[in-house]
C-alpha atoms as a PDB file:
ATOM      1  CA  MET A   1     -12.341 -27.082  21.244  1.00  0.00           C
ATOM      2  CA  THR A   2     -11.987 -28.956  17.950  1.00  0.00           C
ATOM      3  CA  THR A   3      -8.943 -28.516  15.715  1.00  0.00           C
ATOM      4  CA  ARG A   4     -11.165 -27.023  13.017  1.00  0.00           C
ATOM      5  CA  ARG A   5     -12.666 -24.436  15.374  1.00  0.00           C
ATOM      6  CA  THR A   6      -9.205 -23.490  16.597  1.00  0.00           C
ATOM      7  CA  PHE A   7      -8.068 -23.013  13.020  1.00  0.00           C
ATOM      8  CA  GLU A   8     -11.057 -20.798  12.211  1.00  0.00           C
ATOM      9  CA  LEU A   9     -10.392 -18.604  15.247  1.00  0.00           C
ATOM     10  CA  GLU A  10      -6.747 -18.253  14.258  1.00  0.00           C
ATOM     11  CA  ILE A  11      -7.778 -17.160  10.766  1.00  0.00           C
ATOM     12  CA  LEU A  12     -10.138 -14.559  12.229  1.00  0.00           C
ATOM     13  CA  HIS A  13      -7.291 -13.283  14.393  1.00  0.00           C
ATOM     14  CA  LEU A  14      -4.994 -13.008  11.367  1.00  0.00           C
ATOM     15  CA  LYS A  15      -7.649 -11.102   9.455  1.00  0.00           C
ATOM     16  CA  ASP A  16      -7.970  -8.651  12.355  1.00  0.00           C
ATOM     17  CA  GLU A  17      -4.203  -8.227  12.323  1.00  0.00           C
ATOM     18  CA  ILE A  18      -4.283  -7.536   8.581  1.00  0.00           C
ATOM     19  CA  LEU A  19      -6.727  -4.707   9.195  1.00  0.00           C
ATOM     20  CA  ILE A  20      -4.467  -3.293  11.902  1.00  0.00           C
ATOM     21  CA  LEU A  21      -1.396  -3.505   9.666  1.00  0.00           C
ATOM     22  CA  GLY A  22      -3.380  -1.952   6.834  1.00  0.00           C
ATOM     23  CA  SER A  23      -4.414   0.925   9.073  1.00  0.00           C
ATOM     24  CA  MET A  24      -0.767   1.532   9.983  1.00  0.00           C
ATOM     25  CA  VAL A  25       0.219   1.615   6.315  1.00  0.00           C
ATOM     26  CA  GLU A  26      -2.708   3.813   5.316  1.00  0.00           C
ATOM     27  CA  GLN A  27      -1.877   6.355   8.020  1.00  0.00           C
ATOM     28  CA  ALA A  28       1.813   6.304   7.142  1.00  0.00           C
ATOM     29  CA  LEU A  29       0.981   7.070   3.520  1.00  0.00           C
ATOM     30  CA  LEU A  30      -1.330   9.984   4.311  1.00  0.00           C
ATOM     31  CA  ASP A  31       1.103  11.380   6.889  1.00  0.00           C
ATOM     32  CA  SER A  32       4.074  11.125   4.532  1.00  0.00           C
ATOM     33  CA  VAL A  33       2.322  13.172   1.862  1.00  0.00           C
ATOM     34  CA  GLU A  34       1.020  15.715   4.366  1.00  0.00           C
ATOM     35  CA  ALA A  35       4.549  16.127   5.748  1.00  0.00           C
ATOM     36  CA  LEU A  36       5.834  16.592   2.204  1.00  0.00           C
ATOM     37  CA  LYS A  37       3.120  19.130   1.476  1.00  0.00           C
ATOM     38  CA  LYS A  38       3.979  21.105   4.619  1.00  0.00           C
ATOM     39  CA  ARG A  39       7.743  20.537   4.164  1.00  0.00           C
ATOM     40  CA  ASP A  40       7.840  19.205   7.732  1.00  0.00           C
ATOM     41  CA  VAL A  41      11.144  17.333   7.843  1.00  0.00           C
ATOM     42  CA  ASP A  42      10.855  16.334  11.514  1.00  0.00           C
ATOM     43  CA  TRP A  43       7.498  14.693  10.817  1.00  0.00           C
ATOM     44  CA  SER A  44       9.017  12.816   7.889  1.00  0.00           C
ATOM     45  CA  LYS A  45      11.824  11.529  10.116  1.00  0.00           C
ATOM     46  CA  LYS A  46       9.225  10.114  12.517  1.00  0.00           C
ATOM     47  CA  ILE A  47       7.452   8.400   9.622  1.00  0.00           C
ATOM     48  CA  ILE A  48      10.748   6.869   8.480  1.00  0.00           C
ATOM     49  CA  GLU A  49      11.421   5.577  11.997  1.00  0.00           C
ATOM     50  CA  GLY A  50       7.853   4.279  12.256  1.00  0.00           C
ATOM     51  CA  ASP A  51       8.372   1.974   9.287  1.00  0.00           C
ATOM     52  CA  ALA A  52      10.201  -0.404  11.627  1.00  0.00           C
ATOM     53  CA  ALA A  53       6.906  -1.079  13.444  1.00  0.00           C
ATOM     54  CA  ILE A  54       5.272  -2.022  10.134  1.00  0.00           C
ATOM     55  CA  ASN A  55       8.148  -4.380   9.323  1.00  0.00           C
ATOM     56  CA  ASP A  56       8.028  -5.956  12.781  1.00  0.00           C
ATOM     57  CA  LYS A  57       4.301  -6.563  12.538  1.00  0.00           C
ATOM     58  CA  ARG A  58       4.713  -8.176   9.142  1.00  0.00           C
ATOM     59  CA  PHE A  59       7.295 -10.664  10.415  1.00  0.00           C
ATOM     60  CA  THR A  60       5.291 -11.396  13.577  1.00  0.00           C
ATOM     61  CA  MET A  61       2.270 -12.219  11.443  1.00  0.00           C
ATOM     62  CA  GLU A  62       4.316 -14.381   9.089  1.00  0.00           C
ATOM     63  CA  ASN A  63       5.631 -16.370  12.046  1.00  0.00           C
ATOM     64  CA  HIS A  64       2.059 -16.784  13.276  1.00  0.00           C
ATOM     65  CA  VAL A  65       1.074 -18.194   9.883  1.00  0.00           C
ATOM     66  CA  MET A  66       3.994 -20.643   9.922  1.00  0.00           C
ATOM     67  CA  VAL A  67       2.949 -21.917  13.344  1.00  0.00           C
ATOM     68  CA  LEU A  68      -0.642 -22.244  12.128  1.00  0.00           C
ATOM     69  CA  ILE A  69       0.422 -24.369   9.175  1.00  0.00           C
ATOM     70  CA  ALA A  70       2.616 -26.564  11.385  1.00  0.00           C
ATOM     71  CA  THR A  71       0.082 -27.148  14.165  1.00  0.00           C
ATOM     72  CA  GLN A  72      -3.253 -27.291  12.341  1.00  0.00           C
ATOM     73  CA  GLN A  73      -4.573 -29.317   9.430  1.00  0.00           C
ATOM     74  CA  PRO A  74      -5.386 -26.851   6.661  1.00  0.00           C
ATOM     75  CA  MET A  75      -7.391 -28.202   3.750  1.00  0.00           C
ATOM     76  CA  ALA A  76      -7.052 -27.184   0.087  1.00  0.00           C
ATOM     77  CA  ARG A  77      -9.094 -23.990   0.322  1.00  0.00           C
ATOM     78  CA  ASP A  78      -7.473 -23.205   3.665  1.00  0.00           C
ATOM     79  CA  LEU A  79      -4.055 -23.326   2.039  1.00  0.00           C
ATOM     80  CA  ARG A  80      -5.280 -20.962  -0.671  1.00  0.00           C
ATOM     81  CA  LEU A  81      -6.390 -18.507   2.003  1.00  0.00           C
ATOM     82  CA  ILE A  82      -3.186 -18.882   4.024  1.00  0.00           C
ATOM     83  CA  ALA A  83      -1.016 -18.312   0.952  1.00  0.00           C
ATOM     84  CA  SER A  84      -3.070 -15.217   0.145  1.00  0.00           C
ATOM     85  CA  ILE A  85      -2.730 -13.897   3.694  1.00  0.00           C
ATOM     86  CA  LEU A  86       1.049 -14.177   3.378  1.00  0.00           C
ATOM     87  CA  GLU A  87       0.906 -12.348   0.047  1.00  0.00           C
ATOM     88  CA  VAL A  88      -1.272  -9.545   1.424  1.00  0.00           C
ATOM     89  CA  ILE A  89       1.033  -9.106   4.421  1.00  0.00           C
ATOM     90  CA  SER A  90       3.981  -8.798   2.050  1.00  0.00           C
ATOM     91  CA  GLU A  91       2.141  -6.292  -0.143  1.00  0.00           C
ATOM     92  CA  LEU A  92       1.326  -4.145   2.893  1.00  0.00           C
ATOM     93  CA  GLU A  93       4.944  -4.096   4.025  1.00  0.00           C
ATOM     94  CA  ARG A  94       6.035  -2.946   0.573  1.00  0.00           C
ATOM     95  CA  MET A  95       3.353  -0.273   0.580  1.00  0.00           C
ATOM     96  CA  GLY A  96       4.720   0.926   3.880  1.00  0.00           C
ATOM     97  CA  ASP A  97       8.093   1.236   2.141  1.00  0.00           C
ATOM     98  CA  TYR A  98       6.515   3.636  -0.358  1.00  0.00           C
ATOM     99  CA  ALA A  99       5.317   5.844   2.500  1.00  0.00           C
ATOM    100  CA  LYS A 100       8.787   5.692   4.030  1.00  0.00           C
ATOM    101  CA  GLY A 101      10.256   6.565   0.631  1.00  0.00           C
ATOM    102  CA  ILE A 102       8.193   9.734   0.446  1.00  0.00           C
ATOM    103  CA  GLY A 103       9.465  10.629   3.911  1.00  0.00           C
ATOM    104  CA  ILE A 104      13.037  10.123   2.725  1.00  0.00           C
ATOM    105  CA  ILE A 105      12.353  12.377  -0.268  1.00  0.00           C
ATOM    106  CA  ASN A 106      11.162  15.152   2.032  1.00  0.00           C
ATOM    107  CA  VAL A 107      14.234  14.817   4.248  1.00  0.00           C
ATOM    108  CA  ARG A 108      16.612  14.842   1.272  1.00  0.00           C
ATOM    109  CA  MET A 109      14.975  17.966  -0.103  1.00  0.00           C
ATOM    110  CA  GLY A 110      16.186  19.655   3.062  1.00  0.00           C
ATOM    111  CA  ASP A 111      15.819  23.412   2.989  1.00  0.00           C
ATOM    112  CA  GLN A 112      15.078  23.629  -0.715  1.00  0.00           C
ATOM    113  CA  PRO A 113      11.818  25.487  -1.359  1.00  0.00           C
ATOM    114  CA  ALA A 114       8.981  23.485  -2.819  1.00  0.00           C
ATOM    115  CA  LEU A 115       8.878  23.698  -6.605  1.00  0.00           C
ATOM    116  CA  LYS A 116       5.111  24.157  -6.582  1.00  0.00           C
ATOM    117  CA  PRO A 117       2.086  23.776  -4.306  1.00  0.00           C
ATOM    118  CA  LEU A 118       1.077  20.121  -4.092  1.00  0.00           C
ATOM    119  CA  ILE A 119      -2.407  19.395  -5.426  1.00  0.00           C
ATOM    120  CA  ASP A 120      -2.441  16.174  -7.471  1.00  0.00           C
ATOM    121  CA  ILE A 121       0.024  14.293  -5.254  1.00  0.00           C
ATOM    122  CA  PRO A 122      -2.244  14.596  -2.163  1.00  0.00           C
ATOM    123  CA  LEU A 123      -5.172  13.498  -4.348  1.00  0.00           C
ATOM    124  CA  MET A 124      -3.203  10.418  -5.386  1.00  0.00           C
ATOM    125  CA  ALA A 125      -2.528   9.622  -1.725  1.00  0.00           C
ATOM    126  CA  GLN A 126      -6.168  10.016  -0.735  1.00  0.00           C
ATOM    127  CA  LYS A 127      -7.300   7.819  -3.600  1.00  0.00           C
ATOM    128  CA  GLY A 128      -4.711   5.155  -2.838  1.00  0.00           C
ATOM    129  CA  ALA A 129      -5.596   5.126   0.859  1.00  0.00           C
ATOM    130  CA  SER A 130      -9.298   4.767   0.050  1.00  0.00           C
ATOM    131  CA  MET A 131      -8.608   1.913  -2.352  1.00  0.00           C
ATOM    132  CA  LEU A 132      -6.468   0.155   0.255  1.00  0.00           C
ATOM    133  CA  HIS A 133      -9.072   0.523   2.991  1.00  0.00           C
ATOM    134  CA  ARG A 134     -11.822  -0.974   0.836  1.00  0.00           C
ATOM    135  CA  SER A 135      -9.627  -3.711  -0.640  1.00  0.00           C
ATOM    136  CA  LEU A 136      -8.694  -5.003   2.814  1.00  0.00           C
ATOM    137  CA  ALA A 137     -12.330  -4.996   3.899  1.00  0.00           C
ATOM    138  CA  ALA A 138     -13.118  -7.047   0.796  1.00  0.00           C
ATOM    139  CA  PHE A 139     -10.279  -9.445   1.583  1.00  0.00           C
ATOM    140  CA  VAL A 140     -11.220 -10.137   5.198  1.00  0.00           C
ATOM    141  CA  ASN A 141     -14.884 -10.511   4.198  1.00  0.00           C
ATOM    142  CA  GLU A 142     -13.888 -12.660   1.203  1.00  0.00           C
ATOM    143  CA  ASP A 143     -16.037 -10.438  -0.989  1.00  0.00           C
ATOM    144  CA  ASP A 144     -14.924 -10.965  -4.567  1.00  0.00           C
ATOM    145  CA  VAL A 145     -17.673  -8.699  -5.935  1.00  0.00           C
ATOM    146  CA  VAL A 146     -16.260  -5.625  -4.199  1.00  0.00           C
ATOM    147  CA  ALA A 147     -12.712  -6.763  -4.959  1.00  0.00           C
ATOM    148  CA  ARG A 148     -13.464  -6.710  -8.689  1.00  0.00           C
ATOM    149  CA  LEU A 149     -14.804  -3.140  -8.517  1.00  0.00           C
ATOM    150  CA  ILE A 150     -11.673  -1.527  -7.053  1.00  0.00           C
ATOM    151  CA  PRO A 151      -8.878  -2.193  -9.620  1.00  0.00           C
ATOM    152  CA  PRO A 152     -10.433  -0.017 -12.370  1.00  0.00           C
ATOM    153  CA  GLU A 153      -9.982   2.941 -10.003  1.00  0.00           C
ATOM    154  CA  ASP A 154      -6.241   2.531 -10.479  1.00  0.00           C
ATOM    155  CA  ASP A 155      -6.721   4.280 -13.823  1.00  0.00           C
ATOM    156  CA  GLU A 156      -7.627   7.459 -11.916  1.00  0.00           C
ATOM    157  CA  VAL A 157      -4.346   7.288  -9.998  1.00  0.00           C
ATOM    158  CA  ASP A 158      -2.453   6.703 -13.247  1.00  0.00           C
ATOM    159  CA  GLN A 159      -4.118   9.741 -14.790  1.00  0.00           C
ATOM    160  CA  LEU A 160      -3.100  11.898 -11.833  1.00  0.00           C
ATOM    161  CA  TYR A 161       0.454  10.592 -12.122  1.00  0.00           C
ATOM    162  CA  ASN A 162       0.557  11.470 -15.812  1.00  0.00           C
ATOM    163  CA  GLN A 163      -0.767  14.906 -14.988  1.00  0.00           C
ATOM    164  CA  VAL A 164       1.968  15.406 -12.373  1.00  0.00           C
ATOM    165  CA  TYR A 165       4.581  14.234 -14.874  1.00  0.00           C
ATOM    166  CA  ARG A 166       3.420  16.601 -17.595  1.00  0.00           C
ATOM    167  CA  GLU A 167       3.261  19.564 -15.241  1.00  0.00           C
ATOM    168  CA  LEU A 168       6.731  18.925 -13.825  1.00  0.00           C
ATOM    169  CA  MET A 169       8.152  18.642 -17.340  1.00  0.00           C
ATOM    170  CA  THR A 170       6.850  22.123 -18.107  1.00  0.00           C
ATOM    171  CA  TYR A 171       8.721  23.437 -15.059  1.00  0.00           C
ATOM    172  CA  ILE A 172      11.938  21.744 -16.182  1.00  0.00           C
ATOM    173  CA  ILE A 173      11.619  23.105 -19.716  1.00  0.00           C
ATOM    174  CA  ALA A 174      10.975  26.631 -18.426  1.00  0.00           C
ATOM    175  CA  GLU A 175      13.699  26.440 -15.785  1.00  0.00           C
ATOM    176  CA  PRO A 176      16.284  23.644 -16.293  1.00  0.00           C
ATOM    177  CA  ALA A 177      17.801  24.397 -12.872  1.00  0.00           C
ATOM    178  CA  SER A 178      14.586  23.093 -11.285  1.00  0.00           C
ATOM    179  CA  ILE A 179      15.216  19.518 -12.464  1.00  0.00           C
ATOM    180  CA  GLU A 180      16.335  18.203  -9.064  1.00  0.00           C
ATOM    181  CA  ARG A 181      13.303  19.551  -7.230  1.00  0.00           C
ATOM    182  CA  ALA A 182      11.038  18.280 -10.011  1.00  0.00           C
ATOM    183  CA  ASN A 183      12.596  14.816  -9.779  1.00  0.00           C
ATOM    184  CA  TRP A 184      11.924  14.644  -6.030  1.00  0.00           C
ATOM    185  CA  LEU A 185       8.220  15.275  -6.612  1.00  0.00           C
ATOM    186  CA  LEU A 186       8.130  12.874  -9.542  1.00  0.00           C
ATOM    187  CA  TRP A 187       9.556  10.102  -7.346  1.00  0.00           C
ATOM    188  CA  ALA A 188       6.939  10.825  -4.695  1.00  0.00           C
ATOM    189  CA  ALA A 189       4.204  10.545  -7.329  1.00  0.00           C
ATOM    190  CA  HIS A 190       5.789   7.339  -8.638  1.00  0.00           C
ATOM    191  CA  ASN A 191       5.618   5.796  -5.161  1.00  0.00           C
ATOM    192  CA  LEU A 192       1.926   6.647  -4.971  1.00  0.00           C
ATOM    193  CA  GLU A 193       1.298   5.152  -8.397  1.00  0.00           C
ATOM    194  CA  ARG A 194       2.982   1.910  -7.327  1.00  0.00           C
ATOM    195  CA  PHE A 195       1.060   1.946  -4.037  1.00  0.00           C
ATOM    196  CA  ALA A 196      -2.228   1.828  -5.956  1.00  0.00           C
ATOM    197  CA  ASP A 197      -0.870  -0.949  -8.183  1.00  0.00           C
ATOM    198  CA  ARG A 198      -0.295  -3.094  -5.112  1.00  0.00           C
ATOM    199  CA  VAL A 199      -3.865  -2.508  -3.969  1.00  0.00           C
ATOM    200  CA  THR A 200      -4.981  -4.212  -7.169  1.00  0.00           C
ATOM    201  CA  ASN A 201      -2.809  -7.194  -6.214  1.00  0.00           C
ATOM    202  CA  ILE A 202      -4.743  -7.508  -2.946  1.00  0.00           C
ATOM    203  CA  CYS A 203      -7.990  -7.469  -4.915  1.00  0.00           C
ATOM    204  CA  GLU A 204      -6.683 -10.210  -7.191  1.00  0.00           C
ATOM    205  CA  ARG A 205      -5.855 -12.300  -4.132  1.00  0.00           C
ATOM    206  CA  THR A 206      -9.389 -11.852  -2.803  1.00  0.00           C
ATOM    207  CA  VAL A 207     -10.842 -13.151  -6.045  1.00  0.00           C
ATOM    208  CA  PHE A 208      -8.369 -16.049  -5.909  1.00  0.00           C
ATOM    209  CA  VAL A 209      -9.436 -17.002  -2.373  1.00  0.00           C
ATOM    210  CA  VAL A 210     -13.115 -17.062  -3.308  1.00  0.00           C
ATOM    211  CA  THR A 211     -12.989 -18.576  -6.791  1.00  0.00           C
ATOM    212  CA  GLY A 212      -9.631 -20.335  -7.053  1.00  0.00           C
ATOM    213  CA  GLU A 213      -8.934 -18.316 -10.207  1.00  0.00           C
ATOM    214  CA  TYR A 214      -6.036 -15.903 -10.487  1.00  0.00           C
ATOM    215  CA  ARG A 215      -6.217 -13.258 -13.171  1.00  0.00           C
ATOM    216  CA  GLU A 216      -4.103 -10.139 -13.345  1.00  0.00           C
ATOM    217  CA  THR A 217      -6.063  -6.913 -13.433  1.00  0.00           C
ATOM    218  CA  GLN A 218      -4.885  -3.834 -15.269  1.00  0.00           C
ATOM    219  CA  GLY A 219      -2.381  -1.996 -13.117  1.00  0.00           C
ATOM    220  CA  GLY A 220      -1.453  -4.985 -10.957  1.00  0.00           C
ATOM    221  CA  GLN A 221       2.257  -5.525 -10.251  1.00  0.00           C
ATOM    222  CA  ALA A 222       4.143  -8.685  -9.415  1.00  0.00           C
END
């Protein structure tokens, strides 16, 4: 087998691994919000523990990339793709941290009753998970057309976050003693808002791989 063919197969393997890691992160996010919604502390503890598997997979993949660079002969566009793979892996690990963070929030809330039924926060999670799923498909398929369509959806997540913020402020004004419980939910919503921001970063990387141009989209975070 030629060196070039070996390299191409290794890239395909890494792309498959990105989809697996993405699936782990997506599920962790949805589970963390569902556990918060149900006030299931034991479930949240399992999600927190499960973050170690996401971290381990990230570092395993990074090591794989380092070996690939050392043993193969990547060309200019190859290096662009490899650098982007490393960036996407890092983004996914950070997104997993947001899911873990929501789990920690639920645990710290302990036996405190929920301030209000959760409606917009689960919607934020569902939207973020959908954006992630489609952004990773665009990345592995190197589809810059689809990648350009996803970032504007971040505005919908931002709007939901603003709605959560405004609603929680009304609770605090009406009942100042509720500030701690309101802050817990606000931090959960903040994690979801940042999660969607990082999806836009993945889309930017897809466009970079295909075109060689890097332009920040609205909502993207360094």
